[in-house]
């Protein structure tokens, strides 16, 4: 197959590397590669002129920052020395090492890096696309909808507020609860609204959070707030005119029934999945979710050795967060360069991810974990406790870190704290990740520190 567009790798004496997607993972990988190989023939395929700091949408929906503060021009973020093609991938042909684009081009590559993100399927919930932005139906999963979330919270005058989680993997598994806790705070701060409010958390899952240690902490948050939890409740339909949400409820024996719940506010997290162009390609292989099928430790494709993937669109079995994308990007870049040099791929991704779980205005539980599904702690303290200091981290520091360090491939900030580990250990403050965690938690003072 003859490409209609060819990167100029041969002319520069450099391998041709194509990155599909300029999100967190894609830009981080690009910066890392060019920092170590400045003359690499690197191209990014990305159609959007805007780059969004998606973790900031929760802050927009809570009235803490304006939406524009979460946006940057993509052109300002593409690293120097990298060619940017403003088009989308519409087909992958890994047998011939080329990608088809929405402009009708066929791009040849020697190395392919896939960081396409995931896709929101709003249409899979009947009536949702038409309902969004009116009658109290809102969502923080999309910048254009987040402002309406704040408007809905502000004008909420009582009644039932429902917050949903679908049955599919989603971006940042804790985000549906963050907006719920912030909304609950706002309701209770308004005279008369809190006592006339009913907050319901409806999740298609079987627990509040996938990591048991954090799920226990969140259960305590739910209890003190008086929030109702409905497990195995999957939103199937929104009737905006009637303000009724229709759920499919799965019983413990696997049988299903339908439940209709009236609402005054409905915050919806849409079903999500791999982009259709990925799911329908050979790169998805046997992966049941249609994700790019890669080794969970090396990020290399299981069948095409010159293909790597990271971020939300990959099959890496960890939470889909910016923290996970950053962690995997470092491994991907190191292994890609090793592959080019004909060396073993020795860099290993341990599944590290982080989700700053906002539990109210002024408190955050910093959920960090890895493939072991056990809490880890960058800050060397118990990560299962809510902290005001982590609220400052989430609302003030992390946005700056994202734009100025994460996307530029700067090392993880946690390494600067490691020299303090002996002192923290000596003071008896270090986090216990093993069997004595429960006993230590029982003895530790409660509350927000």
Foldseek 3Di string as FASTA:
>chain_A
DDWPDEQPQVVLVAFFEEEEDQALLRLLLQLLQCVVVVQHRYEYEAQDQKYFQLLCLLCLLLVNDPLVLRIDGVVVRRDPNYHYDNWHFQADDLVQQWTATPVRTIYHGQFYEYAHAWDFDQVQAAPRVVQQLDLQEAESRDSVGSNSSNVSLVPQQADEEEFEEAPAADAFLQSSQQSQLASLQSQVVDPPHNVRYAYEYEYLADFSDPQVLLRVLVVVLCVVSVHHYHYNWHFRYADSVQQKTKTWHADPVGDTDIDIDHGSHYYDDGHMAAPPNQLPHCQQPPPPRSARAADLWQQAGPPRRSYGYAANRHPNPEHRYSQRSLQNSVSNSQQNVCVVVVHDSPGTRFAWDWHFNNNYVQWTQIAIDGPVSFGDDLQQAASSAIASVVNCCSSPPVVVCSSPPSSSNHDDPSVVCVVCNVVCVVVVGGQDGDDCNVVVVVPDDHDYD
